[in-house]
Amino acid sequence: MGAAGQAFGTERVSMAPVWRWAAVVGVAGVLGGCSAGERGPTVEQAGEMLQRHITELMESVDPEETVVVDAGGKDVPCGSGGVKRTYGVRSTFARLDDNLIAEMAGRLGTTWGYEVHDPYKPGLPRTTLKLASSRTSITVETPSDHEAVAMGETDCIPRG
């Protein structure tokens, strides 16, 4: 009975070329999707996300007062025909906390997935974090013992 397949004129065909072709098509589809299909948020969407992240960040560290120092909302020309958006706040605190930058950076990382782009350096009380998927960067710093500043900007995003 083992030779029954051969009695009916069937033969075994290697599937290796088929699988190789499927792999090539799959890889091409993924690479094509990365460059053309997924452009990311528009400058307006990225700017709104930046403002929301900074606002929620500062609310989460319980400041005494927060003042908007850069209202953003305007296209700032950059690159070859691109634009970016900015937004920034300054908060004051009754408490003195040497770990405020680490707390804010940690919240940006755990809440939204920001990654450290420019780390804290001794003597320079600030760090910059970036969230590639939202095209945003936020710099947090403590210019004095009872102040914290969060300034952000979007990537340079082509118009249209």
C-alpha atoms as a PDB file:
ATOM      1  CA  MET A   1       0.000   0.000   0.000  1.00  0.00           C
ATOM      2  CA  GLY A   2       2.946   2.322   0.500  1.00  0.00           C
ATOM      3  CA  ALA A   3       3.387   2.621  -3.251  1.00  0.00           C
ATOM      4  CA  ALA A   4      -0.262   3.398  -3.923  1.00  0.00           C
ATOM      5  CA  GLY A   5       0.505   7.059  -4.543  1.00  0.00           C
ATOM      6  CA  GLN A   6       2.945   6.144  -7.259  1.00  0.00           C
ATOM      7  CA  ALA A   7       0.469   3.711  -8.836  1.00  0.00           C
ATOM      8  CA  PHE A   8      -1.855   6.596  -9.613  1.00  0.00           C
ATOM      9  CA  GLY A   9       0.881   8.673 -11.203  1.00  0.00           C
ATOM     10  CA  THR A  10       1.404  11.108  -8.336  1.00  0.00           C
ATOM     11  CA  GLU A  11       4.824  12.237  -7.321  1.00  0.00           C
ATOM     12  CA  ARG A  12       6.260  14.092  -4.406  1.00  0.00           C
ATOM     13  CA  VAL A  13       7.051  17.754  -4.992  1.00  0.00           C
ATOM     14  CA  SER A  14       9.439  19.682  -2.782  1.00  0.00           C
ATOM     15  CA  MET A  15       7.770  22.630  -1.064  1.00  0.00           C
ATOM     16  CA  ALA A  16      11.111  24.365  -0.361  1.00  0.00           C
ATOM     17  CA  PRO A  17      10.877  26.752  -3.351  1.00  0.00           C
ATOM     18  CA  VAL A  18       7.319  27.678  -2.363  1.00  0.00           C
ATOM     19  CA  TRP A  19       8.347  28.459   1.210  1.00  0.00           C
ATOM     20  CA  ARG A  20      11.335  30.492   0.029  1.00  0.00           C
ATOM     21  CA  TRP A  21       9.078  32.546  -2.244  1.00  0.00           C
ATOM     22  CA  ALA A  22       6.572  33.095   0.590  1.00  0.00           C
ATOM     23  CA  ALA A  23       9.385  34.286   2.866  1.00  0.00           C
ATOM     24  CA  VAL A  24      10.663  36.755   0.240  1.00  0.00           C
ATOM     25  CA  VAL A  25       7.160  38.137  -0.337  1.00  0.00           C
ATOM     26  CA  GLY A  26       6.581  38.427   3.438  1.00  0.00           C
ATOM     27  CA  VAL A  27       9.844  40.278   4.072  1.00  0.00           C
ATOM     28  CA  ALA A  28       9.194  42.634   1.147  1.00  0.00           C
ATOM     29  CA  GLY A  29       5.727  43.362   2.524  1.00  0.00           C
ATOM     30  CA  VAL A  30       7.062  44.158   5.970  1.00  0.00           C
ATOM     31  CA  LEU A  31       9.834  46.398   4.663  1.00  0.00           C
ATOM     32  CA  GLY A  32       7.462  48.153   2.290  1.00  0.00           C
ATOM     33  CA  GLY A  33       5.021  48.751   5.139  1.00  0.00           C
ATOM     34  CA  CYS A  34       7.704  50.305   7.303  1.00  0.00           C
ATOM     35  CA  SER A  35       8.690  52.881   4.741  1.00  0.00           C
ATOM     36  CA  ALA A  36       5.491  53.800   2.983  1.00  0.00           C
ATOM     37  CA  GLY A  37       2.433  52.466   4.761  1.00  0.00           C
ATOM     38  CA  GLU A  38       3.016  53.642   8.321  1.00  0.00           C
ATOM     39  CA  ARG A  39       3.839  57.325   8.252  1.00  0.00           C
ATOM     40  CA  GLY A  40       3.022  57.982  11.893  1.00  0.00           C
ATOM     41  CA  PRO A  41       1.025  60.847  13.355  1.00  0.00           C
ATOM     42  CA  THR A  42       0.650  64.170  11.580  1.00  0.00           C
ATOM     43  CA  VAL A  43       2.296  67.228  13.101  1.00  0.00           C
ATOM     44  CA  GLU A  44      -1.095  68.244  14.535  1.00  0.00           C
ATOM     45  CA  GLN A  45      -1.621  64.830  16.147  1.00  0.00           C
ATOM     46  CA  ALA A  46       1.944  64.703  17.464  1.00  0.00           C
ATOM     47  CA  GLY A  47       1.605  68.231  18.878  1.00  0.00           C
ATOM     48  CA  GLU A  48      -1.633  67.344  20.671  1.00  0.00           C
ATOM     49  CA  MET A  49      -0.051  64.181  22.074  1.00  0.00           C
ATOM     50  CA  LEU A  50       2.981  66.160  23.253  1.00  0.00           C
ATOM     51  CA  GLN A  51       0.771  68.663  25.070  1.00  0.00           C
ATOM     52  CA  ARG A  52      -1.293  65.887  26.685  1.00  0.00           C
ATOM     53  CA  HIS A  53       1.792  63.958  27.834  1.00  0.00           C
ATOM     54  CA  ILE A  54       3.442  67.015  29.387  1.00  0.00           C
ATOM     55  CA  THR A  55       0.220  68.145  31.081  1.00  0.00           C
ATOM     56  CA  GLU A  56      -0.478  64.691  32.532  1.00  0.00           C
ATOM     57  CA  LEU A  57       3.180  64.290  33.547  1.00  0.00           C
ATOM     58  CA  MET A  58       3.191  67.493  35.558  1.00  0.00           C
ATOM     59  CA  GLU A  59      -0.185  66.718  37.149  1.00  0.00           C
ATOM     60  CA  SER A  60       1.212  63.345  38.251  1.00  0.00           C
ATOM     61  CA  VAL A  61       4.097  64.883  40.238  1.00  0.00           C
ATOM     62  CA  ASP A  62       1.741  67.147  42.205  1.00  0.00           C
ATOM     63  CA  PRO A  63       3.082  70.676  41.689  1.00  0.00           C
ATOM     64  CA  GLU A  64       1.871  73.666  43.657  1.00  0.00           C
ATOM     65  CA  GLU A  65       1.462  75.682  40.456  1.00  0.00           C
ATOM     66  CA  THR A  66       2.044  75.103  36.738  1.00  0.00           C
ATOM     67  CA  VAL A  67       2.409  77.854  34.157  1.00  0.00           C
ATOM     68  CA  VAL A  68       2.467  77.303  30.411  1.00  0.00           C
ATOM     69  CA  VAL A  69       5.625  78.929  29.049  1.00  0.00           C
ATOM     70  CA  ASP A  70       5.219  77.734  25.441  1.00  0.00           C
ATOM     71  CA  ALA A  71       1.615  77.289  24.342  1.00  0.00           C
ATOM     72  CA  GLY A  72       2.667  75.617  21.096  1.00  0.00           C
ATOM     73  CA  GLY A  73      -0.038  74.991  18.548  1.00  0.00           C
ATOM     74  CA  LYS A  74       1.920  76.662  15.741  1.00  0.00           C
ATOM     75  CA  ASP A  75       3.871  75.105  12.913  1.00  0.00           C
ATOM     76  CA  VAL A  76       7.588  75.873  13.261  1.00  0.00           C
ATOM     77  CA  PRO A  77       9.452  75.451   9.946  1.00  0.00           C
ATOM     78  CA  CYS A  78      12.274  72.904   9.966  1.00  0.00           C
ATOM     79  CA  GLY A  79      14.230  70.725   7.578  1.00  0.00           C
ATOM     80  CA  SER A  80      13.307  70.627   3.900  1.00  0.00           C
ATOM     81  CA  GLY A  81       9.712  71.774   3.947  1.00  0.00           C
ATOM     82  CA  GLY A  82       8.879  70.127   7.273  1.00  0.00           C
ATOM     83  CA  VAL A  83       7.308  71.553  10.423  1.00  0.00           C
ATOM     84  CA  LYS A  84       7.349  70.768  14.121  1.00  0.00           C
ATOM     85  CA  ARG A  85       5.319  71.736  17.164  1.00  0.00           C
ATOM     86  CA  THR A  86       6.491  72.685  20.652  1.00  0.00           C
ATOM     87  CA  TYR A  87       4.937  72.908  24.109  1.00  0.00           C
ATOM     88  CA  GLY A  88       6.365  73.669  27.546  1.00  0.00           C
ATOM     89  CA  VAL A  89       5.456  74.295  31.171  1.00  0.00           C
ATOM     90  CA  ARG A  90       7.176  75.416  34.361  1.00  0.00           C
ATOM     91  CA  SER A  91       5.969  74.087  37.698  1.00  0.00           C
ATOM     92  CA  THR A  92       6.779  75.083  41.255  1.00  0.00           C
ATOM     93  CA  PHE A  93       6.802  72.741  44.231  1.00  0.00           C
ATOM     94  CA  ALA A  94       6.560  73.233  47.976  1.00  0.00           C
ATOM     95  CA  ARG A  95       8.619  70.083  48.469  1.00  0.00           C
ATOM     96  CA  LEU A  96      12.326  69.735  47.841  1.00  0.00           C
ATOM     97  CA  ASP A  97      12.982  66.517  45.935  1.00  0.00           C
ATOM     98  CA  ASP A  98      16.406  65.578  44.605  1.00  0.00           C
ATOM     99  CA  ASN A  99      14.842  62.746  42.631  1.00  0.00           C
ATOM    100  CA  LEU A 100      12.243  64.780  40.735  1.00  0.00           C
ATOM    101  CA  ILE A 101      13.948  64.349  37.337  1.00  0.00           C
ATOM    102  CA  ALA A 102      14.214  60.593  37.879  1.00  0.00           C
ATOM    103  CA  GLU A 103      10.547  60.477  38.944  1.00  0.00           C
ATOM    104  CA  MET A 104       9.394  62.396  35.862  1.00  0.00           C
ATOM    105  CA  ALA A 105      11.586  60.341  33.508  1.00  0.00           C
ATOM    106  CA  GLY A 106      10.288  57.156  35.100  1.00  0.00           C
ATOM    107  CA  ARG A 107       6.679  58.237  34.640  1.00  0.00           C
ATOM    108  CA  LEU A 108       7.279  59.106  30.980  1.00  0.00           C
ATOM    109  CA  GLY A 109       8.798  55.675  30.466  1.00  0.00           C
ATOM    110  CA  THR A 110       6.282  53.571  32.358  1.00  0.00           C
ATOM    111  CA  THR A 111       3.153  55.469  31.323  1.00  0.00           C
ATOM    112  CA  TRP A 112       3.819  56.048  27.610  1.00  0.00           C
ATOM    113  CA  GLY A 113       7.013  54.166  26.749  1.00  0.00           C
ATOM    114  CA  TYR A 114       9.397  57.106  26.327  1.00  0.00           C
ATOM    115  CA  GLU A 115      13.065  56.110  26.195  1.00  0.00           C
ATOM    116  CA  VAL A 116      16.036  58.131  27.403  1.00  0.00           C
ATOM    117  CA  HIS A 117      17.592  59.957  24.476  1.00  0.00           C
ATOM    118  CA  ASP A 118      19.968  62.302  26.312  1.00  0.00           C
ATOM    119  CA  PRO A 119      20.698  61.009  29.830  1.00  0.00           C
ATOM    120  CA  TYR A 120      21.102  62.998  33.010  1.00  0.00           C
ATOM    121  CA  LYS A 121      24.691  64.109  33.558  1.00  0.00           C
ATOM    122  CA  PRO A 122      26.186  65.188  36.891  1.00  0.00           C
ATOM    123  CA  GLY A 123      26.042  68.956  37.190  1.00  0.00           C
ATOM    124  CA  LEU A 124      23.417  69.259  34.435  1.00  0.00           C
ATOM    125  CA  PRO A 125      19.999  68.683  36.023  1.00  0.00           C
ATOM    126  CA  ARG A 126      18.064  67.553  32.930  1.00  0.00           C
ATOM    127  CA  THR A 127      17.349  64.625  30.670  1.00  0.00           C
ATOM    128  CA  THR A 128      15.614  64.210  27.318  1.00  0.00           C
ATOM    129  CA  LEU A 129      13.312  61.328  26.490  1.00  0.00           C
ATOM    130  CA  LYS A 130      11.912  60.339  23.111  1.00  0.00           C
ATOM    131  CA  LEU A 131       8.859  58.377  22.004  1.00  0.00           C
ATOM    132  CA  ALA A 132       9.489  57.412  18.377  1.00  0.00           C
ATOM    133  CA  SER A 133       5.962  56.139  17.720  1.00  0.00           C
ATOM    134  CA  SER A 134       4.447  59.525  18.581  1.00  0.00           C
ATOM    135  CA  ARG A 135       7.307  61.539  17.058  1.00  0.00           C
ATOM    136  CA  THR A 136       7.801  63.463  20.309  1.00  0.00           C
ATOM    137  CA  SER A 137      10.682  64.371  22.634  1.00  0.00           C
ATOM    138  CA  ILE A 138      10.404  65.839  26.126  1.00  0.00           C
ATOM    139  CA  THR A 139      13.196  67.442  28.136  1.00  0.00           C
ATOM    140  CA  VAL A 140      12.675  67.634  31.893  1.00  0.00           C
ATOM    141  CA  GLU A 141      14.919  69.740  34.086  1.00  0.00           C
ATOM    142  CA  THR A 142      15.090  71.310  37.517  1.00  0.00           C
ATOM    143  CA  PRO A 143      16.566  74.814  37.211  1.00  0.00           C
ATOM    144  CA  SER A 144      16.196  75.395  40.981  1.00  0.00           C
ATOM    145  CA  ASP A 145      15.317  73.461  44.135  1.00  0.00           C
ATOM    146  CA  HIS A 146      11.568  74.079  43.893  1.00  0.00           C
ATOM    147  CA  GLU A 147      11.082  74.273  40.105  1.00  0.00           C
ATOM    148  CA  ALA A 148      10.706  71.794  37.278  1.00  0.00           C
ATOM    149  CA  VAL A 149      10.412  72.507  33.574  1.00  0.00           C
ATOM    150  CA  ALA A 150       9.096  70.176  30.902  1.00  0.00           C
ATOM    151  CA  MET A 151       9.710  71.328  27.326  1.00  0.00           C
ATOM    152  CA  GLY A 152       8.798  69.229  24.354  1.00  0.00           C
ATOM    153  CA  GLU A 153       8.862  69.188  20.604  1.00  0.00           C
ATOM    154  CA  THR A 154       7.754  66.950  17.807  1.00  0.00           C
ATOM    155  CA  ASP A 155      10.078  65.595  15.156  1.00  0.00           C
ATOM    156  CA  CYS A 156      10.389  67.574  11.953  1.00  0.00           C
ATOM    157  CA  ILE A 157       7.422  66.179  10.043  1.00  0.00           C
ATOM    158  CA  PRO A 158       6.826  66.705   6.318  1.00  0.00           C
ATOM    159  CA  ARG A 159       3.704  68.713   5.510  1.00  0.00           C
ATOM    160  CA  GLY A 160       0.749  66.907   4.015  1.00  0.00           C
END
